Amino acid sequence: METKFILKVLWLDQNVAIAVDQIVGKGTSPLTEYFFWPRHDAWQQLKDKLDAKHWIEESDRIDVLNQATEVINYWQDLKNQNKLVPMAEAQGKFKEVVFSGSN
């Protein structure tokens, strides 16, 4: 199945932010703004935003939300262990996700 959407992650020491881009031709177009965890319930905000876009197939929404869950849980687990994981290590774990950040 061809990927239609890309999860983008802003990997920070105190927060993780998630957003979604739509693949358009050979490029991408922003579909959502960034939602910050744990500052807000980023997963719920992302779900609400995707649910409002009725043209997105349910299977695509589920795939993106599952990816977001995995990234948030990974970041939260590391935070709970007081570990700072370099963004490159997170990128290696989630190869289909686009990361940017400060470490």
PDB file of N, CA and C in Angstrom:
ATOM      1  N   MET A   1       0.848  -1.198   0.000  1.00  0.00           N
ATOM      2  CA  MET A   1       0.000   0.000   0.000  1.00  0.00           C
ATOM      3  C   MET A   1       0.881   1.244   0.000  1.00  0.00           C
ATOM      4  N   GLU A   2       0.539   2.190  -0.824  1.00  0.00           N
ATOM      5  CA  GLU A   2       1.300   3.425  -0.922  1.00  0.00           C
ATOM      6  C   GLU A   2       0.959   4.347   0.246  1.00  0.00           C
ATOM      7  N   THR A   3       1.995   4.895   0.861  1.00  0.00           N
ATOM      8  CA  THR A   3       1.788   5.823   1.971  1.00  0.00           C
ATOM      9  C   THR A   3       1.255   7.141   1.431  1.00  0.00           C
ATOM     10  N   LYS A   4       0.202   7.630   2.061  1.00  0.00           N
ATOM     11  CA  LYS A   4      -0.400   8.890   1.637  1.00  0.00           C
ATOM     12  C   LYS A   4      -0.092  10.020   2.606  1.00  0.00           C
ATOM     13  N   PHE A   5       0.356   9.631   3.815  1.00  0.00           N
ATOM     14  CA  PHE A   5       0.584  10.613   4.867  1.00  0.00           C
ATOM     15  C   PHE A   5       1.894  10.306   5.576  1.00  0.00           C
ATOM     16  N   ILE A   6       2.524  11.337   6.100  1.00  0.00           N
ATOM     17  CA  ILE A   6       3.776  11.187   6.832  1.00  0.00           C
ATOM     18  C   ILE A   6       3.619  11.822   8.204  1.00  0.00           C
ATOM     19  N   LEU A   7       3.963  11.066   9.233  1.00  0.00           N
ATOM     20  CA  LEU A   7       3.987  11.600  10.583  1.00  0.00           C
ATOM     21  C   LEU A   7       5.292  12.353  10.763  1.00  0.00           C
ATOM     22  N   LYS A   8       5.192  13.575  11.242  1.00  0.00           N
ATOM     23  CA  LYS A   8       6.372  14.390  11.530  1.00  0.00           C
ATOM     24  C   LYS A   8       6.466  14.573  13.034  1.00  0.00           C
ATOM     25  N   VAL A   9       7.682  14.470  13.560  1.00  0.00           N
ATOM     26  CA  VAL A   9       7.900  14.553  14.998  1.00  0.00           C
ATOM     27  C   VAL A   9       8.965  15.586  15.284  1.00  0.00           C
ATOM     28  N   LEU A  10       8.652  16.462  16.216  1.00  0.00           N
ATOM     29  CA  LEU A  10       9.615  17.418  16.746  1.00  0.00           C
ATOM     30  C   LEU A  10      10.090  16.831  18.069  1.00  0.00           C
ATOM     31  N   TRP A  11      11.320  16.338  18.107  1.00  0.00           N
ATOM     32  CA  TRP A  11      11.884  15.576  19.233  1.00  0.00           C
ATOM     33  C   TRP A  11      12.640  16.538  20.131  1.00  0.00           C
ATOM     34  N   LEU A  12      12.068  16.852  21.286  1.00  0.00           N
ATOM     35  CA  LEU A  12      12.663  17.807  22.222  1.00  0.00           C
ATOM     36  C   LEU A  12      12.874  17.139  23.575  1.00  0.00           C
ATOM     37  N   ASP A  13      13.685  17.758  24.420  1.00  0.00           N
ATOM     38  CA  ASP A  13      13.963  17.181  25.739  1.00  0.00           C
ATOM     39  C   ASP A  13      12.733  17.187  26.642  1.00  0.00           C
ATOM     40  N   GLN A  14      11.930  18.249  26.600  1.00  0.00           N
ATOM     41  CA  GLN A  14      10.800  18.373  27.514  1.00  0.00           C
ATOM     42  C   GLN A  14       9.443  18.074  26.885  1.00  0.00           C
ATOM     43  N   ASN A  15       9.401  17.975  25.575  1.00  0.00           N
ATOM     44  CA  ASN A  15       8.155  17.727  24.851  1.00  0.00           C
ATOM     45  C   ASN A  15       8.457  16.912  23.605  1.00  0.00           C
ATOM     46  N   VAL A  16       7.420  16.301  23.103  1.00  0.00           N
ATOM     47  CA  VAL A  16       7.476  15.734  21.763  1.00  0.00           C
ATOM     48  C   VAL A  16       6.246  16.294  21.047  1.00  0.00           C
ATOM     49  N   ALA A  17       6.433  16.711  19.808  1.00  0.00           N
ATOM     50  CA  ALA A  17       5.315  17.281  19.058  1.00  0.00           C
ATOM     51  C   ALA A  17       5.097  16.450  17.803  1.00  0.00           C
ATOM     52  N   ILE A  18       3.830  16.280  17.449  1.00  0.00           N
ATOM     53  CA  ILE A  18       3.489  15.474  16.284  1.00  0.00           C
ATOM     54  C   ILE A  18       2.612  16.276  15.324  1.00  0.00           C
ATOM     55  N   ALA A  19       2.846  16.037  14.047  1.00  0.00           N
ATOM     56  CA  ALA A  19       2.060  16.668  12.990  1.00  0.00           C
ATOM     57  C   ALA A  19       1.987  15.682  11.832  1.00  0.00           C
ATOM     58  N   VAL A  20       1.103  15.959  10.888  1.00  0.00           N
ATOM     59  CA  VAL A  20       0.946  15.085   9.732  1.00  0.00           C
ATOM     60  C   VAL A  20       1.031  15.925   8.465  1.00  0.00           C
ATOM     61  N   ASP A  21       1.778  15.398   7.498  1.00  0.00           N
ATOM     62  CA  ASP A  21       1.827  15.973   6.160  1.00  0.00           C
ATOM     63  C   ASP A  21       1.170  14.990   5.205  1.00  0.00           C
ATOM     64  N   GLN A  22       0.588  15.531   4.163  1.00  0.00           N
ATOM     65  CA  GLN A  22       0.038  14.700   3.102  1.00  0.00           C
ATOM     66  C   GLN A  22       1.053  14.641   1.971  1.00  0.00           C
ATOM     67  N   ILE A  23       1.232  13.454   1.401  1.00  0.00           N
ATOM     68  CA  ILE A  23       2.127  13.325   0.256  1.00  0.00           C
ATOM     69  C   ILE A  23       1.366  13.778  -0.982  1.00  0.00           C
ATOM     70  N   VAL A  24       1.965  14.739  -1.680  1.00  0.00           N
ATOM     71  CA  VAL A  24       1.362  15.307  -2.879  1.00  0.00           C
ATOM     72  C   VAL A  24       2.409  15.232  -3.986  1.00  0.00           C
ATOM     73  N   GLY A  25       2.182  14.359  -4.952  1.00  0.00           N
ATOM     74  CA  GLY A  25       3.173  14.172  -6.007  1.00  0.00           C
ATOM     75  C   GLY A  25       4.474  13.681  -5.396  1.00  0.00           C
ATOM     76  N   LYS A  26       5.565  14.388  -5.664  1.00  0.00           N
ATOM     77  CA  LYS A  26       6.863  14.019  -5.104  1.00  0.00           C
ATOM     78  C   LYS A  26       7.188  14.814  -3.849  1.00  0.00           C
ATOM     79  N   GLY A  27       6.248  15.642  -3.405  1.00  0.00           N
ATOM     80  CA  GLY A  27       6.474  16.464  -2.224  1.00  0.00           C
ATOM     81  C   GLY A  27       5.440  16.214  -1.148  1.00  0.00           C
ATOM     82  N   THR A  28       5.435  17.094  -0.168  1.00  0.00           N
ATOM     83  CA  THR A  28       4.466  16.988   0.914  1.00  0.00           C
ATOM     84  C   THR A  28       3.821  18.343   1.151  1.00  0.00           C
ATOM     85  N   SER A  29       2.652  18.283   1.766  1.00  0.00           N
ATOM     86  CA  SER A  29       1.912  19.488   2.126  1.00  0.00           C
ATOM     87  C   SER A  29       1.431  19.321   3.566  1.00  0.00           C
ATOM     88  N   PRO A  30       1.626  20.332   4.414  1.00  0.00           N
ATOM     89  CA  PRO A  30       1.171  20.205   5.806  1.00  0.00           C
ATOM     90  C   PRO A  30      -0.330  19.953   5.875  1.00  0.00           C
ATOM     91  N   LEU A  31      -0.713  18.954   6.678  1.00  0.00           N
ATOM     92  CA  LEU A  31      -2.118  18.622   6.868  1.00  0.00           C
ATOM     93  C   LEU A  31      -2.600  19.109   8.234  1.00  0.00           C
ATOM     94  N   THR A  32      -1.701  19.070   9.226  1.00  0.00           N
ATOM     95  CA  THR A  32      -2.042  19.537  10.574  1.00  0.00           C
ATOM     96  C   THR A  32      -0.909  20.398  11.117  1.00  0.00           C
ATOM     97  N   GLU A  33      -1.228  21.135  12.144  1.00  0.00           N
ATOM     98  CA  GLU A  33      -0.195  21.829  12.897  1.00  0.00           C
ATOM     99  C   GLU A  33       0.458  20.825  13.849  1.00  0.00           C
ATOM    100  N   TYR A  34       1.494  21.264  14.579  1.00  0.00           N
ATOM    101  CA  TYR A  34       2.118  20.399  15.582  1.00  0.00           C
ATOM    102  C   TYR A  34       1.299  20.408  16.865  1.00  0.00           C
ATOM    103  N   PHE A  35       1.168  19.223  17.463  1.00  0.00           N
ATOM    104  CA  PHE A  35       0.499  19.073  18.757  1.00  0.00           C
ATOM    105  C   PHE A  35       1.534  18.546  19.747  1.00  0.00           C
ATOM    106  N   PHE A  36       1.623  19.192  20.913  1.00  0.00           N
ATOM    107  CA  PHE A  36       2.689  18.913  21.872  1.00  0.00           C
ATOM    108  C   PHE A  36       2.231  18.019  23.015  1.00  0.00           C
ATOM    109  N   TRP A  37       3.033  16.990  23.275  1.00  0.00           N
ATOM    110  CA  TRP A  37       2.859  16.086  24.404  1.00  0.00           C
ATOM    111  C   TRP A  37       4.056  16.279  25.330  1.00  0.00           C
ATOM    112  N   PRO A  38       3.942  16.329  26.624  1.00  0.00           N
ATOM    113  CA  PRO A  38       2.748  16.157  27.445  1.00  0.00           C
ATOM    114  C   PRO A  38       2.030  17.468  27.764  1.00  0.00           C
ATOM    115  N   ARG A  39       2.437  18.533  27.113  1.00  0.00           N
ATOM    116  CA  ARG A  39       1.804  19.826  27.376  1.00  0.00           C
ATOM    117  C   ARG A  39       0.289  19.761  27.161  1.00  0.00           C
ATOM    118  N   HIS A  40      -0.120  19.028  26.153  1.00  0.00           N
ATOM    119  CA  HIS A  40      -1.543  18.812  25.836  1.00  0.00           C
ATOM    120  C   HIS A  40      -1.708  17.341  25.470  1.00  0.00           C
ATOM    121  N   ASP A  41      -2.934  16.913  25.292  1.00  0.00           N
ATOM    122  CA  ASP A  41      -3.178  15.556  24.828  1.00  0.00           C
ATOM    123  C   ASP A  41      -3.012  15.550  23.308  1.00  0.00           C
ATOM    124  N   ALA A  42      -1.761  15.463  22.893  1.00  0.00           N
ATOM    125  CA  ALA A  42      -1.432  15.583  21.474  1.00  0.00           C
ATOM    126  C   ALA A  42      -2.121  14.509  20.640  1.00  0.00           C
ATOM    127  N   TRP A  43      -2.205  13.295  21.170  1.00  0.00           N
ATOM    128  CA  TRP A  43      -2.822  12.212  20.409  1.00  0.00           C
ATOM    129  C   TRP A  43      -4.288  12.539  20.131  1.00  0.00           C
ATOM    130  N   GLN A  44      -5.011  12.987  21.153  1.00  0.00           N
ATOM    131  CA  GLN A  44      -6.433  13.307  20.982  1.00  0.00           C
ATOM    132  C   GLN A  44      -6.610  14.487  20.037  1.00  0.00           C
ATOM    133  N   GLN A  45      -5.751  15.486  20.156  1.00  0.00           N
ATOM    134  CA  GLN A  45      -5.837  16.631  19.253  1.00  0.00           C
ATOM    135  C   GLN A  45      -5.617  16.198  17.805  1.00  0.00           C
ATOM    136  N   LEU A  46      -4.631  15.316  17.599  1.00  0.00           N
ATOM    137  CA  LEU A  46      -4.365  14.832  16.256  1.00  0.00           C
ATOM    138  C   LEU A  46      -5.551  14.010  15.741  1.00  0.00           C
ATOM    139  N   LYS A  47      -6.097  13.150  16.581  1.00  0.00           N
ATOM    140  CA  LYS A  47      -7.257  12.340  16.190  1.00  0.00           C
ATOM    141  C   LYS A  47      -8.429  13.230  15.794  1.00  0.00           C
ATOM    142  N   ASP A  48      -8.720  14.242  16.606  1.00  0.00           N
ATOM    143  CA  ASP A  48      -9.830  15.151  16.302  1.00  0.00           C
ATOM    144  C   ASP A  48      -9.621  15.852  14.968  1.00  0.00           C
ATOM    145  N   LYS A  49      -8.387  16.287  14.709  1.00  0.00           N
ATOM    146  CA  LYS A  49      -8.080  16.995  13.463  1.00  0.00           C
ATOM    147  C   LYS A  49      -8.244  16.060  12.264  1.00  0.00           C
ATOM    148  N   LEU A  50      -7.746  14.823  12.397  1.00  0.00           N
ATOM    149  CA  LEU A  50      -7.877  13.875  11.288  1.00  0.00           C
ATOM    150  C   LEU A  50      -9.326  13.445  11.081  1.00  0.00           C
ATOM    151  N   ASP A  51     -10.073  13.253  12.173  1.00  0.00           N
ATOM    152  CA  ASP A  51     -11.488  12.870  12.071  1.00  0.00           C
ATOM    153  C   ASP A  51     -12.309  13.940  11.358  1.00  0.00           C
ATOM    154  N   ALA A  52     -11.914  15.191  11.498  1.00  0.00           N
ATOM    155  CA  ALA A  52     -12.644  16.294  10.868  1.00  0.00           C
ATOM    156  C   ALA A  52     -12.428  16.328   9.355  1.00  0.00           C
ATOM    157  N   LYS A  53     -11.404  15.645   8.893  1.00  0.00           N
ATOM    158  CA  LYS A  53     -11.117  15.593   7.455  1.00  0.00           C
ATOM    159  C   LYS A  53     -11.738  14.304   6.910  1.00  0.00           C
ATOM    160  N   HIS A  54     -13.010  14.391   6.577  1.00  0.00           N
ATOM    161  CA  HIS A  54     -13.805  13.219   6.219  1.00  0.00           C
ATOM    162  C   HIS A  54     -13.303  12.495   4.976  1.00  0.00           C
ATOM    163  N   TRP A  55     -12.507  13.146   4.172  1.00  0.00           N
ATOM    164  CA  TRP A  55     -11.996  12.531   2.952  1.00  0.00           C
ATOM    165  C   TRP A  55     -10.836  11.571   3.219  1.00  0.00           C
ATOM    166  N   ILE A  56     -10.286  11.594   4.442  1.00  0.00           N
ATOM    167  CA  ILE A  56      -9.203  10.663   4.784  1.00  0.00           C
ATOM    168  C   ILE A  56      -9.818   9.317   5.143  1.00  0.00           C
ATOM    169  N   GLU A  57      -9.332   8.264   4.509  1.00  0.00           N
ATOM    170  CA  GLU A  57      -9.854   6.929   4.783  1.00  0.00           C
ATOM    171  C   GLU A  57      -9.545   6.521   6.218  1.00  0.00           C
ATOM    172  N   GLU A  58     -10.478   5.772   6.813  1.00  0.00           N
ATOM    173  CA  GLU A  58     -10.313   5.355   8.202  1.00  0.00           C
ATOM    174  C   GLU A  58      -9.019   4.578   8.407  1.00  0.00           C
ATOM    175  N   SER A  59      -8.671   3.719   7.476  1.00  0.00           N
ATOM    176  CA  SER A  59      -7.442   2.924   7.625  1.00  0.00           C
ATOM    177  C   SER A  59      -6.204   3.824   7.663  1.00  0.00           C
ATOM    178  N   ASP A  60      -6.216   4.907   6.892  1.00  0.00           N
ATOM    179  CA  ASP A  60      -5.094   5.853   6.914  1.00  0.00           C
ATOM    180  C   ASP A  60      -5.027   6.592   8.251  1.00  0.00           C
ATOM    181  N   ARG A  61      -6.191   6.996   8.768  1.00  0.00           N
ATOM    182  CA  ARG A  61      -6.226   7.656  10.089  1.00  0.00           C
ATOM    183  C   ARG A  61      -5.680   6.728  11.164  1.00  0.00           C
ATOM    184  N   ILE A  62      -6.109   5.474  11.118  1.00  0.00           N
ATOM    185  CA  ILE A  62      -5.660   4.498  12.121  1.00  0.00           C
ATOM    186  C   ILE A  62      -4.150   4.299  12.029  1.00  0.00           C
ATOM    187  N   ASP A  63      -3.624   4.176  10.817  1.00  0.00           N
ATOM    188  CA  ASP A  63      -2.177   3.989  10.649  1.00  0.00           C
ATOM    189  C   ASP A  63      -1.393   5.158  11.239  1.00  0.00           C
ATOM    190  N   VAL A  64      -1.826   6.373  10.934  1.00  0.00           N
ATOM    191  CA  VAL A  64      -1.126   7.561  11.443  1.00  0.00           C
ATOM    192  C   VAL A  64      -1.228   7.628  12.963  1.00  0.00           C
ATOM    193  N   LEU A  65      -2.403   7.373  13.506  1.00  0.00           N
ATOM    194  CA  LEU A  65      -2.583   7.438  14.962  1.00  0.00           C
ATOM    195  C   LEU A  65      -1.803   6.337  15.670  1.00  0.00           C
ATOM    196  N   ASN A  66      -1.699   5.163  15.061  1.00  0.00           N
ATOM    197  CA  ASN A  66      -0.886   4.102  15.650  1.00  0.00           C
ATOM    198  C   ASN A  66       0.585   4.495  15.687  1.00  0.00           C
ATOM    199  N   GLN A  67       1.063   5.097  14.607  1.00  0.00           N
ATOM    200  CA  GLN A  67       2.443   5.589  14.587  1.00  0.00           C
ATOM    201  C   GLN A  67       2.652   6.631  15.683  1.00  0.00           C
ATOM    202  N   ALA A  68       1.709   7.561  15.793  1.00  0.00           N
ATOM    203  CA  ALA A  68       1.816   8.616  16.811  1.00  0.00           C
ATOM    204  C   ALA A  68       1.849   8.007  18.209  1.00  0.00           C
ATOM    205  N   THR A  69       1.027   6.991  18.447  1.00  0.00           N
ATOM    206  CA  THR A  69       0.999   6.313  19.742  1.00  0.00           C
ATOM    207  C   THR A  69       2.354   5.708  20.059  1.00  0.00           C
ATOM    208  N   GLU A  70       2.941   5.030  19.092  1.00  0.00           N
ATOM    209  CA  GLU A  70       4.238   4.392  19.303  1.00  0.00           C
ATOM    210  C   GLU A  70       5.320   5.420  19.631  1.00  0.00           C
ATOM    211  N   VAL A  71       5.340   6.523  18.906  1.00  0.00           N
ATOM    212  CA  VAL A  71       6.356   7.552  19.139  1.00  0.00           C
ATOM    213  C   VAL A  71       6.163   8.203  20.507  1.00  0.00           C
ATOM    214  N   ILE A  72       4.926   8.569  20.830  1.00  0.00           N
ATOM    215  CA  ILE A  72       4.652   9.205  22.122  1.00  0.00           C
ATOM    216  C   ILE A  72       5.009   8.257  23.265  1.00  0.00           C
ATOM    217  N   ASN A  73       4.600   6.994  23.163  1.00  0.00           N
ATOM    218  CA  ASN A  73       4.911   6.027  24.211  1.00  0.00           C
ATOM    219  C   ASN A  73       6.416   5.837  24.373  1.00  0.00           C
ATOM    220  N   TYR A  74       7.139   5.778  23.267  1.00  0.00           N
ATOM    221  CA  TYR A  74       8.590   5.635  23.304  1.00  0.00           C
ATOM    222  C   TYR A  74       9.223   6.829  24.019  1.00  0.00           C
ATOM    223  N   TRP A  75       8.824   8.019  23.619  1.00  0.00           N
ATOM    224  CA  TRP A  75       9.356   9.240  24.238  1.00  0.00           C
ATOM    225  C   TRP A  75       9.016   9.260  25.731  1.00  0.00           C
ATOM    226  N   GLN A  76       7.765   8.921  26.076  1.00  0.00           N
ATOM    227  CA  GLN A  76       7.321   8.945  27.472  1.00  0.00           C
ATOM    228  C   GLN A  76       8.076   7.915  28.309  1.00  0.00           C
ATOM    229  N   ASP A  77       8.281   6.726  27.777  1.00  0.00           N
ATOM    230  CA  ASP A  77       9.034   5.695  28.495  1.00  0.00           C
ATOM    231  C   ASP A  77      10.450   6.172  28.799  1.00  0.00           C
ATOM    232  N   LEU A  78      11.077   6.802  27.822  1.00  0.00           N
ATOM    233  CA  LEU A  78      12.433   7.318  28.040  1.00  0.00           C
ATOM    234  C   LEU A  78      12.433   8.424  29.081  1.00  0.00           C
ATOM    235  N   LYS A  79      11.451   9.297  28.992  1.00  0.00           N
ATOM    236  CA  LYS A  79      11.335  10.406  29.940  1.00  0.00           C
ATOM    237  C   LYS A  79      11.139   9.861  31.355  1.00  0.00           C
ATOM    238  N   ASN A  80      10.304   8.836  31.508  1.00  0.00           N
ATOM    239  CA  ASN A  80      10.062   8.234  32.823  1.00  0.00           C
ATOM    240  C   ASN A  80      11.322   7.608  33.403  1.00  0.00           C
ATOM    241  N   GLN A  81      12.237   7.188  32.538  1.00  0.00           N
ATOM    242  CA  GLN A  81      13.503   6.602  32.976  1.00  0.00           C
ATOM    243  C   GLN A  81      14.605   7.669  33.089  1.00  0.00           C
ATOM    244  N   ASN A  82      14.215   8.931  32.919  1.00  0.00           N
ATOM    245  CA  ASN A  82      15.164  10.051  32.940  1.00  0.00           C
ATOM    246  C   ASN A  82      16.275   9.882  31.913  1.00  0.00           C
ATOM    247  N   LYS A  83      15.919   9.337  30.753  1.00  0.00           N
ATOM    248  CA  LYS A  83      16.883   9.157  29.673  1.00  0.00           C
ATOM    249  C   LYS A  83      16.618  10.187  28.581  1.00  0.00           C
ATOM    250  N   LEU A  84      17.689  10.757  28.085  1.00  0.00           N
ATOM    251  CA  LEU A  84      17.598  11.626  26.926  1.00  0.00           C
ATOM    252  C   LEU A  84      18.153  10.840  25.742  1.00  0.00           C
ATOM    253  N   VAL A  85      17.300  10.503  24.831  1.00  0.00           N
ATOM    254  CA  VAL A  85      17.720   9.724  23.668  1.00  0.00           C
ATOM    255  C   VAL A  85      17.936  10.672  22.500  1.00  0.00           C
ATOM    256  N   PRO A  86      19.079  10.555  21.848  1.00  0.00           N
ATOM    257  CA  PRO A  86      19.317  11.403  20.681  1.00  0.00           C
ATOM    258  C   PRO A  86      18.248  11.170  19.612  1.00  0.00           C
ATOM    259  N   MET A  87      17.919  12.239  18.931  1.00  0.00           N
ATOM    260  CA  MET A  87      16.915  12.165  17.883  1.00  0.00           C
ATOM    261  C   MET A  87      17.298  11.118  16.828  1.00  0.00           C
ATOM    262  N   ALA A  88      18.580  10.986  16.532  1.00  0.00           N
ATOM    263  CA  ALA A  88      19.026  10.020  15.523  1.00  0.00           C
ATOM    264  C   ALA A  88      18.657   8.597  15.937  1.00  0.00           C
ATOM    265  N   GLU A  89      18.714   8.303  17.227  1.00  0.00           N
ATOM    266  CA  GLU A  89      18.345   6.969  17.704  1.00  0.00           C
ATOM    267  C   GLU A  89      16.844   6.729  17.524  1.00  0.00           C
ATOM    268  N   ALA A  90      16.037   7.740  17.835  1.00  0.00           N
ATOM    269  CA  ALA A  90      14.588   7.633  17.635  1.00  0.00           C
ATOM    270  C   ALA A  90      14.271   7.468  16.147  1.00  0.00           C
ATOM    271  N   GLN A  91      14.985   8.208  15.305  1.00  0.00           N
ATOM    272  CA  GLN A  91      14.778   8.100  13.852  1.00  0.00           C
ATOM    273  C   GLN A  91      15.101   6.696  13.371  1.00  0.00           C
ATOM    274  N   GLY A  92      16.114   6.082  13.951  1.00  0.00           N
ATOM    275  CA  GLY A  92      16.469   4.718  13.580  1.00  0.00           C
ATOM    276  C   GLY A  92      15.391   3.711  13.953  1.00  0.00           C
ATOM    277  N   LYS A  93      14.699   3.987  15.045  1.00  0.00           N
ATOM    278  CA  LYS A  93      13.635   3.088  15.500  1.00  0.00           C
ATOM    279  C   LYS A  93      12.361   3.247  14.664  1.00  0.00           C
ATOM    280  N   PHE A  94      12.067   4.472  14.262  1.00  0.00           N
ATOM    281  CA  PHE A  94      10.839   4.772  13.496  1.00  0.00           C
ATOM    282  C   PHE A  94      11.244   5.306  12.121  1.00  0.00           C
ATOM    283  N   LYS A  95      11.556   4.403  11.221  1.00  0.00           N
ATOM    284  CA  LYS A  95      12.122   4.783   9.923  1.00  0.00           C
ATOM    285  C   LYS A  95      11.139   5.503   9.000  1.00  0.00           C
ATOM    286  N   GLU A  96       9.841   5.332   9.199  1.00  0.00           N
ATOM    287  CA  GLU A  96       8.857   5.960   8.316  1.00  0.00           C
ATOM    288  C   GLU A  96       8.409   7.327   8.818  1.00  0.00           C
ATOM    289  N   VAL A  97       8.962   7.743   9.956  1.00  0.00           N
ATOM    290  CA  VAL A  97       8.593   9.017  10.574  1.00  0.00           C
ATOM    291  C   VAL A  97       9.691  10.035  10.283  1.00  0.00           C
ATOM    292  N   VAL A  98       9.299  11.277  10.033  1.00  0.00           N
ATOM    293  CA  VAL A  98      10.262  12.353   9.791  1.00  0.00           C
ATOM    294  C   VAL A  98      10.495  13.085  11.112  1.00  0.00           C
ATOM    295  N   PHE A  99      11.749  13.125  11.540  1.00  0.00           N
ATOM    296  CA  PHE A  99      12.109  13.760  12.806  1.00  0.00           C
ATOM    297  C   PHE A  99      12.866  15.053  12.566  1.00  0.00           C
ATOM    298  N   SER A 100      12.631  15.999  13.460  1.00  0.00           N
ATOM    299  CA  SER A 100      13.470  17.184  13.582  1.00  0.00           C
ATOM    300  C   SER A 100      13.519  17.499  15.058  1.00  0.00           C
ATOM    301  N   GLY A 101      14.501  18.263  15.480  1.00  0.00           N
ATOM    302  CA  GLY A 101      14.587  18.565  16.905  1.00  0.00           C
ATOM    303  C   GLY A 101      15.890  19.215  17.280  1.00  0.00           C
ATOM    304  N   SER A 102      16.163  19.200  18.571  1.00  0.00           N
ATOM    305  CA  SER A 102      17.280  19.966  19.101  1.00  0.00           C
ATOM    306  C   SER A 102      18.420  19.113  19.623  1.00  0.00           C
ATOM    307  N   ASN A 103      18.339  17.773  19.488  1.00  0.00           N
ATOM    308  CA  ASN A 103      19.465  16.986  20.011  1.00  0.00           C
ATOM    309  C   ASN A 103      19.929  15.947  19.014  1.00  0.00           C
TER     310      ASN A 103
END
